Amino acid sequence: MPLKSIRVLDLTRLLPGPYCTMLLADFGAEVIKIEDTHAGDYARNYEPKLDENSTMFHSLNRNKKSVSLNLKTEEGKEQFLRLAETADVVVESFRPGVMERLGIDYKKLKVINPGLVYCAITGFGQTGPYATMPGHDINYLSYAGLLNLMGEQGGKPVIPATQIADIGGGAFPAALGIMLSLLEREKTGKGQFVDISMLDGVISWLQTTLPNYLNSQIKSVRGEHMLAGGLAAYAVYETKDSRWLSVGALEPKFWKSFCDVIEKKEFIPLLQAPLKDQHRLKYEIQTIISEKTLSEWLEVFAGVEACVSPVLEFEEVAKDPQVKAREMVKTVNHTTLGAINQIGIPIKLSETPGEIRSQAPKLGEHTEEILREMGITK
């Protein structure tokens, strides 16, 4: 596997850091999850549970090992430093200053291991006036201006159902930053500090809106941006049976096909019509879509290239033929639970694919094994 020789010490908890290290572990990295000796990763205790740990914990921490250390004691710090001497990567998600107070920050670690890649995933990054502020996904979306754009015109901002900042703004940039640093280390032999701010990451997502303001002072308004509720050709419509149909007919050829199917050829020239006309279009299209059930519309649009899709519920997602073909729901064997289902691996490599090799570890399950292997204990 591509990362088989890479050892990662993972001090993160909850979602952003564990998602990042899950990606590394899925492709062969030895990820050693460093947890405190009392409760470990908070995500273990979430509901619902499969055994003593949550379903989320099982998913995020597959292919990893767990070592319990008390980093507030001299013995725990010394054990961690010994582990860091042989590590390729350290990932942590504490607020700036915490690792320094513990005496195991990058400044100290790079002295004992100059080739170490050290990645810190934080809400606001290591610098700036917000650096030490607490926060969660909703806060980073707010500061980025993204939350202000989410929702219907005239309504309040709508909180997304998945953690955009945690995963898109934090975990993925962190994994990429680590890989870039490992690649650079191949040339120089030196590691480096990877500073990941979830706020930075979310701002970098605003490619279709923020440049308009930065260069032309064009403001985006909730529900009016063409790809966030403004266009009738890019919207969600309710069906007769209270289900939902999404339409993404942005290109003229797709829009024409859509208009042909709903028998409204007069709509074809109005793809990029002004906003007031878009509101009228949406109202008329909604009236038409309300005449049939979701399954009836899917039958009508079958084989038509109009970028029309059902808004699926999870039970439908799990059975969807495309999801199955891409193996995005995997059934794996657990030693005590038997067969369990997990989210599959999104990165597909033709020669060295990722793999779910082992189940999430119990708290401290590998402490003795790893410390003995390192010669730290007998």
Protein backbone atom coordinates (compact mmCIF):
# COMPACT_ATOMS: atom_id res chain seq x y z
CA MET A 1 0.00 0.00 0.00
CA PRO A 2 1.31 3.51 -0.80
CA LEU A 3 1.69 4.63 2.84
CA LYS A 4 2.77 1.29 4.33
CA SER A 5 6.07 2.63 5.71
CA ILE A 6 4.56 5.78 7.25
CA ARG A 7 3.97 5.97 11.01
CA VAL A 8 1.47 8.57 12.21
CA LEU A 9 0.92 9.65 15.81
CA ASP A 10 -2.66 10.90 16.02
CA LEU A 11 -3.58 13.02 19.03
CA THR A 12 -6.87 14.24 17.53
CA ARG A 13 -10.43 13.60 18.66
CA LEU A 14 -13.98 13.84 17.33
CA LEU A 15 -14.19 14.48 13.55
CA PRO A 16 -11.64 16.61 11.58
CA GLY A 17 -8.41 14.98 12.73
CA PRO A 18 -9.72 11.40 12.86
CA TYR A 19 -11.15 11.78 9.33
CA CYS A 20 -7.75 12.99 8.09
CA THR A 21 -5.88 10.11 9.69
CA MET A 22 -8.55 7.63 8.52
CA LEU A 23 -7.66 8.59 4.94
CA LEU A 24 -3.98 7.91 5.69
CA ALA A 25 -4.75 4.65 7.49
CA ASP A 26 -6.96 3.41 4.65
CA PHE A 27 -3.91 3.58 2.37
CA GLY A 28 -1.58 1.71 4.66
CA ALA A 29 -0.17 4.22 7.16
CA GLU A 30 0.35 2.88 10.67
CA VAL A 31 -1.84 5.30 12.60
CA ILE A 32 -1.30 5.16 16.35
CA LYS A 33 -4.12 6.95 18.13
CA ILE A 34 -2.73 8.57 21.28
CA GLU A 35 -5.55 8.75 23.83
CA ASP A 36 -5.67 9.75 27.46
CA THR A 37 -5.86 6.99 30.03
CA HIS A 38 -9.33 7.91 31.31
CA ALA A 39 -11.92 8.22 28.52
CA GLY A 40 -9.99 8.62 25.28
CA ASP A 41 -11.58 10.17 22.22
CA TYR A 42 -14.89 11.82 23.17
CA ALA A 43 -16.47 10.31 20.04
CA ARG A 44 -16.32 6.88 21.70
CA ASN A 45 -19.25 7.91 23.90
CA TYR A 46 -21.61 9.26 21.25
CA GLU A 47 -24.92 7.58 20.49
CA PRO A 48 -25.90 5.27 18.95
CA LYS A 49 -23.35 2.65 19.97
CA LEU A 50 -22.39 -0.67 18.40
CA ASP A 51 -20.63 -1.99 21.50
CA GLU A 52 -19.10 0.30 24.10
CA ASN A 53 -18.17 2.72 21.28
CA SER A 54 -20.27 4.80 18.91
CA THR A 55 -21.01 3.94 15.30
CA MET A 56 -19.19 7.14 14.30
CA PHE A 57 -16.09 6.11 16.24
CA HIS A 58 -16.06 2.68 14.58
CA SER A 59 -16.23 4.32 11.15
CA LEU A 60 -13.62 7.04 11.67
CA ASN A 61 -11.05 4.94 13.49
CA ARG A 62 -10.82 1.76 11.44
CA ASN A 63 -7.30 0.61 10.53
CA LYS A 64 -5.84 2.39 13.59
CA LYS A 65 -4.16 1.37 16.83
CA SER A 66 -4.79 2.90 20.26
CA VAL A 67 -2.13 3.75 22.83
CA SER A 68 -3.17 5.28 26.16
CA LEU A 69 -0.76 7.84 27.62
CA ASN A 70 -1.13 10.45 30.34
CA LEU A 71 0.64 13.37 28.68
CA LYS A 72 0.36 15.44 31.86
CA THR A 73 2.87 13.17 33.61
CA GLU A 74 6.61 13.03 33.00
CA GLU A 75 6.39 9.33 32.23
CA GLY A 76 3.65 9.89 29.64
CA LYS A 77 5.57 12.73 27.98
CA GLU A 78 8.74 10.68 27.85
CA GLN A 79 6.89 7.78 26.28
CA PHE A 80 5.37 10.08 23.67
CA LEU A 81 8.76 11.62 22.86
CA ARG A 82 10.21 8.15 22.34
CA LEU A 83 7.38 7.35 19.95
CA ALA A 84 7.88 10.67 18.14
CA GLU A 85 11.52 9.80 17.47
CA THR A 86 10.38 7.07 15.07
CA ALA A 87 7.27 8.78 13.69
CA ASP A 88 6.91 10.30 10.24
CA VAL A 89 3.85 12.39 11.08
CA VAL A 90 2.21 13.90 14.16
CA VAL A 91 -1.35 15.21 13.86
CA GLU A 92 -3.00 17.22 16.62
CA SER A 93 -6.05 19.46 16.93
CA PHE A 94 -5.55 21.31 20.19
CA ARG A 95 -5.82 25.07 20.39
CA PRO A 96 -2.49 26.86 19.81
CA GLY A 97 -0.31 26.76 22.92
CA VAL A 98 -1.61 23.51 24.41
CA MET A 99 1.16 21.28 23.01
CA GLU A 100 3.78 23.82 24.09
CA ARG A 101 2.43 23.80 27.64
CA LEU A 102 2.62 20.00 27.60
CA GLY A 103 6.25 20.24 26.46
CA ILE A 104 5.73 18.21 23.27
CA ASP A 105 5.21 20.92 20.64
CA TYR A 106 6.79 21.00 17.16
CA LYS A 107 9.71 23.14 18.31
CA LYS A 108 10.76 20.35 20.68
CA LEU A 109 9.84 17.42 18.44
CA LYS A 110 11.79 18.63 15.41
CA VAL A 111 14.99 18.65 17.50
CA ILE A 112 14.68 14.92 18.21
CA ASN A 113 13.25 14.13 14.76
CA PRO A 114 14.18 16.67 12.02
CA GLY A 115 12.27 14.70 9.39
CA LEU A 116 8.98 14.90 11.27
CA VAL A 117 5.91 16.30 9.50
CA TYR A 118 3.79 17.99 12.18
CA CYS A 119 0.20 18.90 11.28
CA ALA A 120 -1.98 21.09 13.51
CA ILE A 121 -5.67 21.29 12.61
CA THR A 122 -7.37 24.22 14.34
CA GLY A 123 -10.38 26.43 13.81
CA PHE A 124 -8.53 29.64 13.03
CA GLY A 125 -4.91 28.62 12.49
CA GLN A 126 -1.76 29.38 14.48
CA THR A 127 -1.76 33.14 13.84
CA GLY A 128 -4.17 36.05 13.90
CA PRO A 129 -6.43 37.57 16.59
CA TYR A 130 -8.81 34.56 16.61
CA ALA A 131 -6.08 31.91 16.92
CA THR A 132 -6.90 30.88 20.50
CA MET A 133 -10.69 31.27 20.27
CA PRO A 134 -12.85 28.16 20.64
CA GLY A 135 -15.21 27.22 17.84
CA HIS A 136 -17.14 24.57 15.98
CA ASP A 137 -18.16 23.98 12.38
CA ILE A 138 -21.02 26.50 12.54
CA ASN A 139 -18.66 29.23 13.75
CA TYR A 140 -16.13 28.74 10.95
CA LEU A 141 -18.92 28.73 8.34
CA SER A 142 -20.19 31.97 9.89
CA TYR A 143 -16.85 33.79 9.78
CA ALA A 144 -16.27 32.61 6.20
CA GLY A 145 -19.56 34.13 5.03
CA LEU A 146 -20.79 30.75 3.76
CA LEU A 147 -23.53 30.28 6.36
CA ASN A 148 -24.97 33.67 5.36
CA LEU A 149 -25.55 32.33 1.84
CA MET A 150 -27.30 29.10 2.86
CA GLY A 151 -31.08 29.04 2.90
CA GLU A 152 -34.11 30.52 1.19
CA GLN A 153 -34.42 34.17 0.21
CA GLY A 154 -35.80 36.16 3.11
CA GLY A 155 -35.33 33.28 5.54
CA LYS A 156 -32.69 32.68 8.17
CA PRO A 157 -29.38 30.94 7.37
CA VAL A 158 -29.73 27.15 7.23
CA ILE A 159 -27.18 24.96 9.03
CA PRO A 160 -25.84 22.25 6.68
CA ALA A 161 -26.46 18.63 7.66
CA THR A 162 -22.79 17.68 7.42
CA GLN A 163 -19.70 19.36 8.80
CA ILE A 164 -18.30 21.34 5.86
CA ALA A 165 -15.54 23.10 7.81
CA ASP A 166 -14.46 20.01 9.74
CA ILE A 167 -14.09 17.77 6.70
CA GLY A 168 -13.82 20.00 3.64
CA GLY A 169 -11.99 22.85 5.37
CA GLY A 170 -9.93 20.80 7.82
CA ALA A 171 -9.51 17.07 7.22
CA PHE A 172 -8.93 17.04 3.46
CA PRO A 173 -6.52 20.02 3.39
CA ALA A 174 -4.67 18.44 6.32
CA ALA A 175 -4.26 15.13 4.49
CA LEU A 176 -3.06 16.95 1.38
CA GLY A 177 -0.67 19.14 3.39
CA ILE A 178 0.80 16.04 5.05
CA MET A 179 1.29 14.31 1.69
CA LEU A 180 2.90 17.42 0.17
CA SER A 181 5.26 17.64 3.13
CA LEU A 182 6.20 13.95 2.89
CA LEU A 183 6.91 14.46 -0.81
CA GLU A 184 9.15 17.43 -0.04
CA ARG A 185 10.91 15.40 2.66
CA GLU A 186 11.89 12.90 -0.04
CA LYS A 187 13.97 15.69 -1.62
CA THR A 188 15.38 17.44 1.44
CA GLY A 189 15.15 14.98 4.34
CA LYS A 190 13.49 17.70 6.40
CA GLY A 191 10.01 17.75 7.86
CA GLN A 192 7.88 20.85 8.37
CA PHE A 193 4.92 22.35 10.22
CA VAL A 194 1.54 22.06 8.46
CA ASP A 195 -0.78 24.81 9.73
CA ILE A 196 -4.41 24.00 8.84
CA SER A 197 -7.19 26.46 9.66
CA MET A 198 -10.74 25.27 9.10
CA LEU A 199 -11.79 28.88 8.49
CA ASP A 200 -9.11 29.19 5.79
CA GLY A 201 -10.34 25.97 4.24
CA VAL A 202 -13.96 27.11 4.05
CA ILE A 203 -12.99 30.47 2.54
CA SER A 204 -11.07 28.60 -0.17
CA TRP A 205 -14.33 26.83 -1.09
CA LEU A 206 -16.04 30.11 -2.07
CA GLN A 207 -14.69 30.13 -5.61
CA THR A 208 -18.05 30.86 -7.28
CA THR A 209 -19.01 33.76 -5.01
CA LEU A 210 -16.19 35.48 -3.12
CA PRO A 211 -14.08 36.49 -6.18
CA ASN A 212 -17.14 38.36 -7.49
CA TYR A 213 -17.04 40.60 -4.43
CA LEU A 214 -13.26 40.86 -4.11
CA ASN A 215 -12.88 42.10 -7.68
CA SER A 216 -16.21 43.67 -8.62
CA GLN A 217 -17.87 44.34 -5.24
CA ILE A 218 -20.80 42.16 -6.31
CA LYS A 219 -22.49 40.88 -3.17
CA SER A 220 -24.16 37.49 -2.98
CA VAL A 221 -27.56 37.43 -1.27
CA ARG A 222 -29.06 34.39 0.40
CA GLY A 223 -31.35 32.57 -2.00
CA GLU A 224 -30.41 34.81 -4.94
CA HIS A 225 -27.05 33.49 -6.02
CA MET A 226 -27.62 31.55 -9.19
CA LEU A 227 -26.20 28.30 -7.76
CA ALA A 228 -27.80 28.74 -4.33
CA GLY A 229 -31.48 29.16 -5.08
CA GLY A 230 -31.50 31.86 -7.74
CA LEU A 231 -31.84 29.79 -10.92
CA ALA A 232 -34.98 27.84 -11.71
CA ALA A 233 -32.72 25.43 -13.59
CA TYR A 234 -30.77 24.68 -10.41
CA ALA A 235 -33.37 24.05 -7.74
CA VAL A 236 -35.33 21.50 -5.75
CA TYR A 237 -39.03 20.88 -6.37
CA GLU A 238 -41.64 19.04 -4.30
CA THR A 239 -43.52 16.16 -5.93
CA LYS A 240 -47.15 15.08 -5.48
CA ASP A 241 -46.18 12.53 -2.80
CA SER A 242 -44.20 15.09 -0.74
CA ARG A 243 -40.84 13.85 -2.01
CA TRP A 244 -38.24 16.05 -3.71
CA LEU A 245 -36.74 16.26 -7.19
CA SER A 246 -33.46 18.11 -7.77
CA VAL A 247 -32.79 19.83 -11.08
CA GLY A 248 -29.28 20.84 -12.18
CA ALA A 249 -29.97 21.75 -15.81
CA LEU A 250 -27.37 24.51 -16.01
CA GLU A 251 -26.24 24.06 -19.60
CA PRO A 252 -28.62 25.04 -22.46
CA LYS A 253 -28.84 21.47 -23.80
CA PHE A 254 -29.89 20.11 -20.40
CA TRP A 255 -32.33 22.97 -19.82
CA LYS A 256 -33.91 22.39 -23.25
CA SER A 257 -34.36 18.70 -22.46
CA PHE A 258 -35.94 19.55 -19.12
CA CYS A 259 -38.33 22.07 -20.65
CA ASP A 260 -39.27 19.62 -23.39
CA VAL A 261 -40.17 16.95 -20.84
CA ILE A 262 -42.35 19.27 -18.74
CA GLU A 263 -43.88 20.58 -22.00
CA LYS A 264 -42.84 24.20 -21.49
CA LYS A 265 -40.82 25.07 -24.59
CA GLU A 266 -41.45 28.77 -23.91
CA PHE A 267 -39.15 28.47 -20.86
CA ILE A 268 -36.13 27.51 -23.00
CA PRO A 269 -34.95 31.11 -23.75
CA LEU A 270 -35.27 32.03 -20.06
CA LEU A 271 -32.37 29.96 -18.69
CA GLN A 272 -30.39 33.05 -17.65
CA ALA A 273 -33.37 35.40 -17.21
CA PRO A 274 -33.27 38.10 -14.48
CA LEU A 275 -34.01 37.11 -10.91
CA LYS A 276 -37.64 38.30 -10.94
CA ASP A 277 -38.32 36.04 -13.92
CA GLN A 278 -36.54 33.15 -12.19
CA HIS A 279 -38.99 33.42 -9.29
CA ARG A 280 -41.92 33.15 -11.71
CA LEU A 281 -40.29 30.21 -13.48
CA LYS A 282 -39.76 28.37 -10.22
CA TYR A 283 -43.37 28.91 -9.22
CA GLU A 284 -44.66 27.56 -12.53
CA ILE A 285 -42.25 24.61 -12.53
CA GLN A 286 -43.25 23.77 -8.96
CA THR A 287 -46.90 23.72 -10.02
CA ILE A 288 -46.06 21.24 -12.79
CA ILE A 289 -43.84 19.01 -10.62
CA SER A 290 -46.62 18.83 -8.03
CA GLU A 291 -48.81 16.97 -10.53
CA LYS A 292 -46.82 13.70 -10.37
CA THR A 293 -45.17 11.53 -7.72
CA LEU A 294 -41.41 11.16 -7.49
CA SER A 295 -41.44 7.70 -9.08
CA GLU A 296 -43.63 8.98 -11.91
CA TRP A 297 -41.23 11.83 -12.65
CA LEU A 298 -38.25 9.48 -12.55
CA GLU A 299 -39.98 7.31 -15.10
CA VAL A 300 -40.71 10.34 -17.30
CA PHE A 301 -37.09 11.53 -17.12
CA ALA A 302 -35.56 8.06 -17.53
CA GLY A 303 -32.95 8.19 -20.30
CA VAL A 304 -33.31 11.98 -20.66
CA GLU A 305 -30.11 14.00 -20.16
CA ALA A 306 -31.54 16.83 -18.09
CA CYS A 307 -29.57 16.45 -14.83
CA VAL A 308 -32.67 15.52 -12.83
CA SER A 309 -32.28 13.39 -9.69
CA PRO A 310 -34.33 12.11 -6.76
CA VAL A 311 -33.47 13.53 -3.35
CA LEU A 312 -32.70 10.22 -1.65
CA GLU A 313 -33.10 9.18 1.96
CA PHE A 314 -30.33 7.12 3.61
CA GLU A 315 -32.16 3.80 3.19
CA GLU A 316 -32.29 4.52 -0.57
CA VAL A 317 -28.67 5.67 -0.70
CA ALA A 318 -27.50 2.37 0.79
CA LYS A 319 -29.37 0.42 -1.91
CA ASP A 320 -28.55 2.74 -4.82
CA PRO A 321 -26.87 0.83 -7.71
CA GLN A 322 -24.23 3.54 -8.26
CA VAL A 323 -23.31 3.59 -4.57
CA LYS A 324 -23.06 -0.21 -4.62
CA ALA A 325 -20.99 -0.27 -7.80
CA ARG A 326 -18.51 2.20 -6.29
CA GLU A 327 -18.42 0.19 -3.01
CA MET A 328 -19.22 3.26 -0.92
CA VAL A 329 -21.01 1.05 1.60
CA LYS A 330 -18.76 -1.78 2.74
CA THR A 331 -19.64 -4.74 4.92
CA VAL A 332 -16.68 -5.72 7.12
CA ASN A 333 -16.19 -8.34 9.79
CA HIS A 334 -15.81 -7.32 13.43
CA THR A 335 -14.40 -9.85 15.89
CA THR A 336 -17.19 -9.39 18.43
CA LEU A 337 -20.00 -7.71 16.49
CA GLY A 338 -19.88 -9.83 13.36
CA ALA A 339 -20.72 -8.09 10.08
CA ILE A 340 -20.96 -4.30 10.30
CA ASN A 341 -21.47 -1.71 7.57
CA GLN A 342 -19.10 1.18 7.01
CA ILE A 343 -18.70 4.06 4.59
CA GLY A 344 -16.35 3.05 1.79
CA ILE A 345 -13.14 4.67 0.55
CA PRO A 346 -13.71 7.71 -1.73
CA ILE A 347 -10.24 7.77 -3.33
CA LYS A 348 -9.91 5.05 -5.95
CA LEU A 349 -6.35 4.09 -6.99
CA SER A 350 -5.92 1.60 -9.82
CA GLU A 351 -2.68 -0.03 -8.59
CA THR A 352 -2.59 0.51 -4.83
CA PRO A 353 -6.19 0.86 -3.63
CA GLY A 354 -7.17 1.65 -0.08
CA GLU A 355 -8.52 -1.09 2.13
CA ILE A 356 -10.40 -1.56 5.41
CA ARG A 357 -7.98 -3.96 7.10
CA SER A 358 -8.85 -3.77 10.78
CA GLN A 359 -11.57 -2.59 13.12
CA ALA A 360 -11.48 0.48 15.35
CA PRO A 361 -9.38 -0.18 18.46
CA LYS A 362 -10.55 -0.40 22.02
CA LEU A 363 -9.15 2.30 24.31
CA GLY A 364 -5.47 1.54 24.91
CA GLU A 365 -5.71 -1.79 23.09
CA HIS A 366 -2.20 -1.53 21.63
CA THR A 367 -0.40 0.31 24.47
CA GLU A 368 1.59 -2.66 25.71
CA GLU A 369 2.38 -3.96 22.23
CA ILE A 370 3.67 -0.63 20.86
CA LEU A 371 5.64 0.40 23.97
CA ARG A 372 7.27 -3.02 24.18
CA GLU A 373 8.10 -2.97 20.47
CA MET A 374 9.78 0.43 20.98
CA GLY A 375 11.77 -0.86 23.92
CA ILE A 376 10.03 1.66 26.19
CA THR A 377 8.65 -1.04 28.48
CA LYS A 378 9.55 -4.68 29.00
